[in-house]
Amino acid sequence: CHVQAKCIDYEDGFCCECNPRYYGNGKYCIIKDVPLRVNGKIHGKINEEKLEGFDLQSYISMADGRAYTAISRIPESIGFDVQSLQILGSVIGYLFAKPVKNALNGYQLTGGVFKHSTVLTFLNTSQVIRIKQKYLGLDVFDQLRLEADIQGEIPNLPHGSKVIIDEYQEQYSYTNPGVIQMTSQRSFRYVTPTNE
């Protein structure tokens, strides 16, 4: 158990539970309502543009369950296109979503140590992108670490475009022991500086 957790002896076996001011899965606990950072590296290839150790940074406001995510040093050739990869931030949002009733967020289930794979298919195109993320847990500074590999093609958007993503839902289901599957369909549109 984590230093901020207690071991509970149930009839079926032992279970770790985070102390009241903390939450997590018992093995990994973090203080409730204190801001958290996520840092990681991105590698791969998007639209033939090689990604070499780009920085992903996210700031999580635990008090209200919001996550703000950015990727640094994106090549200009795909800079506007990458806005369609909002899924990178939504995984972090799921991890630290405000728990409602008995529903648990991703961190409470995984302790921040898990793998996430995405196959993103863009309708009416032949473009598909595959994203593999490996979340490594908290480091000594209580920042969540991750590594990501992105491979594939995404739609080319006009220079200056701004992507607008309509409201969407994500459905999380246990499919096998240790496996959670998320399905979602998202619609996005873009506007250009000239409102085309």
C-alpha atoms as a PDB file:
ATOM      1  CA  CYS A   1       0.000   0.000   0.000  1.00  0.00           C
ATOM      2  CA  HIS A   2       0.972   3.638  -0.521  1.00  0.00           C
ATOM      3  CA  VAL A   3       2.298   5.505   2.528  1.00  0.00           C
ATOM      4  CA  GLN A   4      -0.982   7.506   2.528  1.00  0.00           C
ATOM      5  CA  ALA A   5      -3.175   4.398   2.397  1.00  0.00           C
ATOM      6  CA  LYS A   6      -4.339   1.739   4.795  1.00  0.00           C
ATOM      7  CA  CYS A   7      -4.537  -1.989   4.314  1.00  0.00           C
ATOM      8  CA  ILE A   8      -8.009  -3.441   4.844  1.00  0.00           C
ATOM      9  CA  ASP A   9      -8.493  -7.154   5.483  1.00  0.00           C
ATOM     10  CA  TYR A  10     -11.630  -8.335   3.676  1.00  0.00           C
ATOM     11  CA  GLU A  11     -12.949 -11.884   3.671  1.00  0.00           C
ATOM     12  CA  ASP A  12     -11.749 -12.275   0.056  1.00  0.00           C
ATOM     13  CA  GLY A  13      -8.301 -10.805   0.764  1.00  0.00           C
ATOM     14  CA  PHE A  14      -6.411  -7.614   1.479  1.00  0.00           C
ATOM     15  CA  CYS A  15      -7.131  -4.297  -0.219  1.00  0.00           C
ATOM     16  CA  CYS A  16      -5.356  -0.933  -0.057  1.00  0.00           C
ATOM     17  CA  GLU A  17      -7.469   2.196   0.378  1.00  0.00           C
ATOM     18  CA  CYS A  18      -6.200   5.787   0.231  1.00  0.00           C
ATOM     19  CA  ASN A  19      -6.630   7.931   3.350  1.00  0.00           C
ATOM     20  CA  PRO A  20      -9.559  10.420   3.339  1.00  0.00           C
ATOM     21  CA  ARG A  21      -7.532  13.473   2.145  1.00  0.00           C
ATOM     22  CA  TYR A  22      -6.131  11.409  -0.762  1.00  0.00           C
ATOM     23  CA  TYR A  23      -7.477   9.396  -3.630  1.00  0.00           C
ATOM     24  CA  GLY A  24      -6.214   6.748  -5.981  1.00  0.00           C
ATOM     25  CA  ASN A  25      -6.222   2.970  -6.111  1.00  0.00           C
ATOM     26  CA  GLY A  26      -4.514   2.416  -2.734  1.00  0.00           C
ATOM     27  CA  LYS A  27      -1.195   1.490  -4.275  1.00  0.00           C
ATOM     28  CA  TYR A  28      -0.800   5.046  -5.634  1.00  0.00           C
ATOM     29  CA  CYS A  29      -2.476   7.956  -3.824  1.00  0.00           C
ATOM     30  CA  ILE A  30      -2.475  11.706  -4.501  1.00  0.00           C
ATOM     31  CA  ILE A  31      -3.771  14.623  -2.444  1.00  0.00           C
ATOM     32  CA  LYS A  32      -7.337  15.612  -3.334  1.00  0.00           C
ATOM     33  CA  ASP A  33      -7.924  18.989  -4.988  1.00  0.00           C
ATOM     34  CA  VAL A  34      -4.231  19.935  -5.400  1.00  0.00           C
ATOM     35  CA  PRO A  35      -3.127  20.858  -8.964  1.00  0.00           C
ATOM     36  CA  LEU A  36      -1.122  18.186 -10.778  1.00  0.00           C
ATOM     37  CA  ARG A  37       1.141  18.167 -13.831  1.00  0.00           C
ATOM     38  CA  VAL A  38       1.541  15.535 -16.524  1.00  0.00           C
ATOM     39  CA  ASN A  39       4.745  15.517 -18.594  1.00  0.00           C
ATOM     40  CA  GLY A  40       5.831  13.254 -21.387  1.00  0.00           C
ATOM     41  CA  LYS A  41       7.520  12.707 -24.717  1.00  0.00           C
ATOM     42  CA  ILE A  42       5.878  12.109 -28.085  1.00  0.00           C
ATOM     43  CA  HIS A  43       7.498  10.199 -30.949  1.00  0.00           C
ATOM     44  CA  GLY A  44       6.167   8.939 -34.267  1.00  0.00           C
ATOM     45  CA  LYS A  45       5.077  10.197 -37.657  1.00  0.00           C
ATOM     46  CA  ILE A  46       2.026  12.232 -38.705  1.00  0.00           C
ATOM     47  CA  ASN A  47       1.374  12.959 -42.403  1.00  0.00           C
ATOM     48  CA  GLU A  48       4.984  11.948 -43.173  1.00  0.00           C
ATOM     49  CA  GLU A  49       6.286  14.477 -40.612  1.00  0.00           C
ATOM     50  CA  LYS A  50       8.617  12.806 -38.103  1.00  0.00           C
ATOM     51  CA  LEU A  51       8.022  13.479 -34.395  1.00  0.00           C
ATOM     52  CA  GLU A  52      11.190  13.261 -32.298  1.00  0.00           C
ATOM     53  CA  GLY A  53      10.817  13.739 -28.553  1.00  0.00           C
ATOM     54  CA  PHE A  54       8.170  16.466 -28.591  1.00  0.00           C
ATOM     55  CA  ASP A  55       7.060  17.563 -25.116  1.00  0.00           C
ATOM     56  CA  LEU A  56       3.506  16.968 -23.947  1.00  0.00           C
ATOM     57  CA  GLN A  57       2.570  18.990 -20.891  1.00  0.00           C
ATOM     58  CA  SER A  58      -0.699  19.074 -19.046  1.00  0.00           C
ATOM     59  CA  TYR A  59      -1.930  21.004 -16.034  1.00  0.00           C
ATOM     60  CA  ILE A  60      -4.779  19.456 -14.082  1.00  0.00           C
ATOM     61  CA  SER A  61      -6.995  21.487 -11.796  1.00  0.00           C
ATOM     62  CA  MET A  62      -8.076  18.707  -9.460  1.00  0.00           C
ATOM     63  CA  ALA A  63     -10.602  20.913  -7.628  1.00  0.00           C
ATOM     64  CA  ASP A  64     -12.856  21.214 -10.676  1.00  0.00           C
ATOM     65  CA  GLY A  65     -11.672  18.255 -12.792  1.00  0.00           C
ATOM     66  CA  ARG A  66     -10.244  20.281 -15.689  1.00  0.00           C
ATOM     67  CA  ALA A  67      -7.166  19.404 -17.747  1.00  0.00           C
ATOM     68  CA  TYR A  68      -5.215  21.730 -20.037  1.00  0.00           C
ATOM     69  CA  THR A  69      -2.858  19.974 -22.459  1.00  0.00           C
ATOM     70  CA  ALA A  70      -0.267  21.295 -24.918  1.00  0.00           C
ATOM     71  CA  ILE A  71       2.401  19.816 -27.193  1.00  0.00           C
ATOM     72  CA  SER A  72       5.538  21.817 -27.875  1.00  0.00           C
ATOM     73  CA  ARG A  73       7.611  22.173 -31.044  1.00  0.00           C
ATOM     74  CA  ILE A  74       4.973  20.904 -33.477  1.00  0.00           C
ATOM     75  CA  PRO A  75       6.207  21.401 -37.054  1.00  0.00           C
ATOM     76  CA  GLU A  76       4.374  24.186 -38.880  1.00  0.00           C
ATOM     77  CA  SER A  77       3.460  21.769 -41.687  1.00  0.00           C
ATOM     78  CA  ILE A  78       1.079  19.878 -39.344  1.00  0.00           C
ATOM     79  CA  GLY A  79       0.497  22.543 -36.683  1.00  0.00           C
ATOM     80  CA  PHE A  80      -3.131  23.279 -37.538  1.00  0.00           C
ATOM     81  CA  ASP A  81      -3.881  19.647 -38.467  1.00  0.00           C
ATOM     82  CA  VAL A  82      -2.927  18.328 -35.014  1.00  0.00           C
ATOM     83  CA  GLN A  83      -5.911  20.109 -33.459  1.00  0.00           C
ATOM     84  CA  SER A  84      -7.974  17.082 -34.537  1.00  0.00           C
ATOM     85  CA  LEU A  85      -6.004  14.901 -32.066  1.00  0.00           C
ATOM     86  CA  GLN A  86      -7.961  16.128 -29.053  1.00  0.00           C
ATOM     87  CA  ILE A  87      -7.981  12.518 -27.801  1.00  0.00           C
ATOM     88  CA  LEU A  88      -4.523  13.122 -26.289  1.00  0.00           C
ATOM     89  CA  GLY A  89      -6.031  15.541 -23.792  1.00  0.00           C
ATOM     90  CA  SER A  90      -9.247  13.623 -23.207  1.00  0.00           C
ATOM     91  CA  VAL A  91      -7.383  10.589 -21.811  1.00  0.00           C
ATOM     92  CA  ILE A  92      -5.810  12.878 -19.213  1.00  0.00           C
ATOM     93  CA  GLY A  93      -9.251  14.365 -18.583  1.00  0.00           C
ATOM     94  CA  TYR A  94     -10.636  10.871 -17.909  1.00  0.00           C
ATOM     95  CA  LEU A  95      -7.787  10.136 -15.514  1.00  0.00           C
ATOM     96  CA  PHE A  96      -8.623  13.098 -13.305  1.00  0.00           C
ATOM     97  CA  ALA A  97     -12.352  13.589 -13.897  1.00  0.00           C
ATOM     98  CA  LYS A  98     -14.383  14.492 -10.829  1.00  0.00           C
ATOM     99  CA  PRO A  99     -15.779  11.195  -9.498  1.00  0.00           C
ATOM    100  CA  VAL A 100     -19.575  11.138  -9.343  1.00  0.00           C
ATOM    101  CA  LYS A 101     -21.340   8.893  -6.824  1.00  0.00           C
ATOM    102  CA  ASN A 102     -19.729   5.433  -7.040  1.00  0.00           C
ATOM    103  CA  ALA A 103     -18.130   5.972 -10.458  1.00  0.00           C
ATOM    104  CA  LEU A 104     -14.331   6.015 -10.381  1.00  0.00           C
ATOM    105  CA  ASN A 105     -12.044   8.064 -12.579  1.00  0.00           C
ATOM    106  CA  GLY A 106      -9.071   6.609 -14.437  1.00  0.00           C
ATOM    107  CA  TYR A 107      -6.558   7.414 -11.709  1.00  0.00           C
ATOM    108  CA  GLN A 108      -8.639   5.663  -9.064  1.00  0.00           C
ATOM    109  CA  LEU A 109      -8.676   2.541 -11.239  1.00  0.00           C
ATOM    110  CA  THR A 110      -5.074   2.553 -12.469  1.00  0.00           C
ATOM    111  CA  GLY A 111      -2.994   4.677 -10.105  1.00  0.00           C
ATOM    112  CA  GLY A 112      -1.630   6.366 -13.233  1.00  0.00           C
ATOM    113  CA  VAL A 113       0.179   3.224 -14.426  1.00  0.00           C
ATOM    114  CA  PHE A 114      -1.424   1.875 -17.600  1.00  0.00           C
ATOM    115  CA  LYS A 115      -1.269   1.658 -21.384  1.00  0.00           C
ATOM    116  CA  HIS A 116      -3.765   3.360 -23.681  1.00  0.00           C
ATOM    117  CA  SER A 117      -4.172   2.565 -27.377  1.00  0.00           C
ATOM    118  CA  THR A 118      -6.306   4.559 -29.793  1.00  0.00           C
ATOM    119  CA  VAL A 119      -7.312   3.928 -33.370  1.00  0.00           C
ATOM    120  CA  LEU A 120      -8.797   7.138 -34.717  1.00  0.00           C
ATOM    121  CA  THR A 121     -10.613   6.850 -38.045  1.00  0.00           C
ATOM    122  CA  PHE A 122     -11.636   9.976 -39.914  1.00  0.00           C
ATOM    123  CA  LEU A 123     -14.952   9.376 -41.682  1.00  0.00           C
ATOM    124  CA  ASN A 124     -15.231   9.946 -45.429  1.00  0.00           C
ATOM    125  CA  THR A 125     -11.436   9.702 -45.764  1.00  0.00           C
ATOM    126  CA  SER A 126      -8.906   6.886 -45.824  1.00  0.00           C
ATOM    127  CA  GLN A 127      -7.021   8.531 -42.960  1.00  0.00           C
ATOM    128  CA  VAL A 128      -6.348   6.585 -39.777  1.00  0.00           C
ATOM    129  CA  ILE A 129      -4.041   7.399 -36.900  1.00  0.00           C
ATOM    130  CA  ARG A 130      -2.849   5.070 -34.154  1.00  0.00           C
ATOM    131  CA  ILE A 131      -1.786   6.408 -30.783  1.00  0.00           C
ATOM    132  CA  LYS A 132      -0.071   4.307 -28.131  1.00  0.00           C
ATOM    133  CA  GLN A 133       0.401   5.925 -24.750  1.00  0.00           C
ATOM    134  CA  LYS A 134       2.236   4.474 -21.775  1.00  0.00           C
ATOM    135  CA  TYR A 135       1.521   6.162 -18.451  1.00  0.00           C
ATOM    136  CA  LEU A 136       4.387   5.536 -16.040  1.00  0.00           C
ATOM    137  CA  GLY A 137       2.939   6.769 -12.741  1.00  0.00           C
ATOM    138  CA  LEU A 138       4.093   9.628 -10.549  1.00  0.00           C
ATOM    139  CA  ASP A 139       7.735  10.671 -10.424  1.00  0.00           C
ATOM    140  CA  VAL A 140       9.581  11.971  -7.331  1.00  0.00           C
ATOM    141  CA  PHE A 141       7.990  15.408  -7.900  1.00  0.00           C
ATOM    142  CA  ASP A 142       4.451  13.928  -7.943  1.00  0.00           C
ATOM    143  CA  GLN A 143       4.126  14.611 -11.669  1.00  0.00           C
ATOM    144  CA  LEU A 144       2.582  11.945 -13.861  1.00  0.00           C
ATOM    145  CA  ARG A 145       4.948  10.756 -16.613  1.00  0.00           C
ATOM    146  CA  LEU A 146       3.995   9.374 -20.010  1.00  0.00           C
ATOM    147  CA  GLU A 147       5.418   8.274 -23.349  1.00  0.00           C
ATOM    148  CA  ALA A 148       3.411   8.366 -26.578  1.00  0.00           C
ATOM    149  CA  ASP A 149       3.873   7.058 -30.106  1.00  0.00           C
ATOM    150  CA  ILE A 150       1.665   8.485 -32.875  1.00  0.00           C
ATOM    151  CA  GLN A 151       1.591   6.960 -36.367  1.00  0.00           C
ATOM    152  CA  GLY A 152      -0.664   7.739 -39.308  1.00  0.00           C
ATOM    153  CA  GLU A 153      -2.486  10.318 -41.355  1.00  0.00           C
ATOM    154  CA  ILE A 154      -4.849  13.098 -40.314  1.00  0.00           C
ATOM    155  CA  PRO A 155      -6.832  15.592 -42.414  1.00  0.00           C
ATOM    156  CA  ASN A 156      -4.938  18.616 -43.702  1.00  0.00           C
ATOM    157  CA  LEU A 157      -6.559  21.810 -42.472  1.00  0.00           C
ATOM    158  CA  PRO A 158      -6.116  25.247 -44.032  1.00  0.00           C
ATOM    159  CA  HIS A 159      -3.517  27.565 -42.501  1.00  0.00           C
ATOM    160  CA  GLY A 160      -5.033  29.559 -39.637  1.00  0.00           C
ATOM    161  CA  SER A 161      -7.868  27.087 -39.014  1.00  0.00           C
ATOM    162  CA  LYS A 162      -9.445  26.695 -35.613  1.00  0.00           C
ATOM    163  CA  VAL A 163     -11.035  23.334 -34.816  1.00  0.00           C
ATOM    164  CA  ILE A 164     -14.355  23.285 -32.990  1.00  0.00           C
ATOM    165  CA  ILE A 165     -15.277  19.958 -31.398  1.00  0.00           C
ATOM    166  CA  ASP A 166     -18.957  19.394 -30.705  1.00  0.00           C
ATOM    167  CA  GLU A 167     -20.064  18.018 -27.352  1.00  0.00           C
ATOM    168  CA  TYR A 168     -19.471  14.280 -27.131  1.00  0.00           C
ATOM    169  CA  GLN A 169     -19.732  11.345 -24.756  1.00  0.00           C
ATOM    170  CA  GLU A 170     -17.222   8.636 -23.947  1.00  0.00           C
ATOM    171  CA  GLN A 171     -18.415   5.190 -22.905  1.00  0.00           C
ATOM    172  CA  TYR A 172     -16.027   3.193 -20.686  1.00  0.00           C
ATOM    173  CA  SER A 173     -16.609  -0.544 -20.250  1.00  0.00           C
ATOM    174  CA  TYR A 174     -14.713  -3.386 -18.600  1.00  0.00           C
ATOM    175  CA  THR A 175     -14.136  -5.902 -21.389  1.00  0.00           C
ATOM    176  CA  ASN A 176     -11.636  -8.264 -19.716  1.00  0.00           C
ATOM    177  CA  PRO A 177      -9.723  -8.331 -16.434  1.00  0.00           C
ATOM    178  CA  GLY A 178      -7.372  -5.347 -16.520  1.00  0.00           C
ATOM    179  CA  VAL A 179      -8.904  -3.991 -19.753  1.00  0.00           C
ATOM    180  CA  ILE A 180     -11.187  -0.975 -20.081  1.00  0.00           C
ATOM    181  CA  GLN A 181     -12.499  -0.081 -23.531  1.00  0.00           C
ATOM    182  CA  MET A 182     -13.573   3.441 -24.406  1.00  0.00           C
ATOM    183  CA  THR A 183     -15.708   4.200 -27.418  1.00  0.00           C
ATOM    184  CA  SER A 184     -16.637   7.624 -28.664  1.00  0.00           C
ATOM    185  CA  GLN A 185     -17.725   9.367 -31.809  1.00  0.00           C
ATOM    186  CA  ARG A 186     -16.771  13.013 -32.219  1.00  0.00           C
ATOM    187  CA  SER A 187     -17.694  15.604 -34.767  1.00  0.00           C
ATOM    188  CA  PHE A 188     -15.429  18.505 -35.445  1.00  0.00           C
ATOM    189  CA  ARG A 189     -15.492  21.359 -37.844  1.00  0.00           C
ATOM    190  CA  TYR A 190     -13.050  24.088 -38.531  1.00  0.00           C
ATOM    191  CA  VAL A 191     -13.225  27.778 -39.232  1.00  0.00           C
ATOM    192  CA  THR A 192     -10.563  29.856 -40.914  1.00  0.00           C
ATOM    193  CA  PRO A 193      -9.653  33.486 -40.236  1.00  0.00           C
ATOM    194  CA  THR A 194     -11.809  34.415 -43.248  1.00  0.00           C
ATOM    195  CA  ASN A 195     -14.728  32.281 -41.887  1.00  0.00           C
ATOM    196  CA  GLU A 196     -14.672  29.870 -44.828  1.00  0.00           C
END
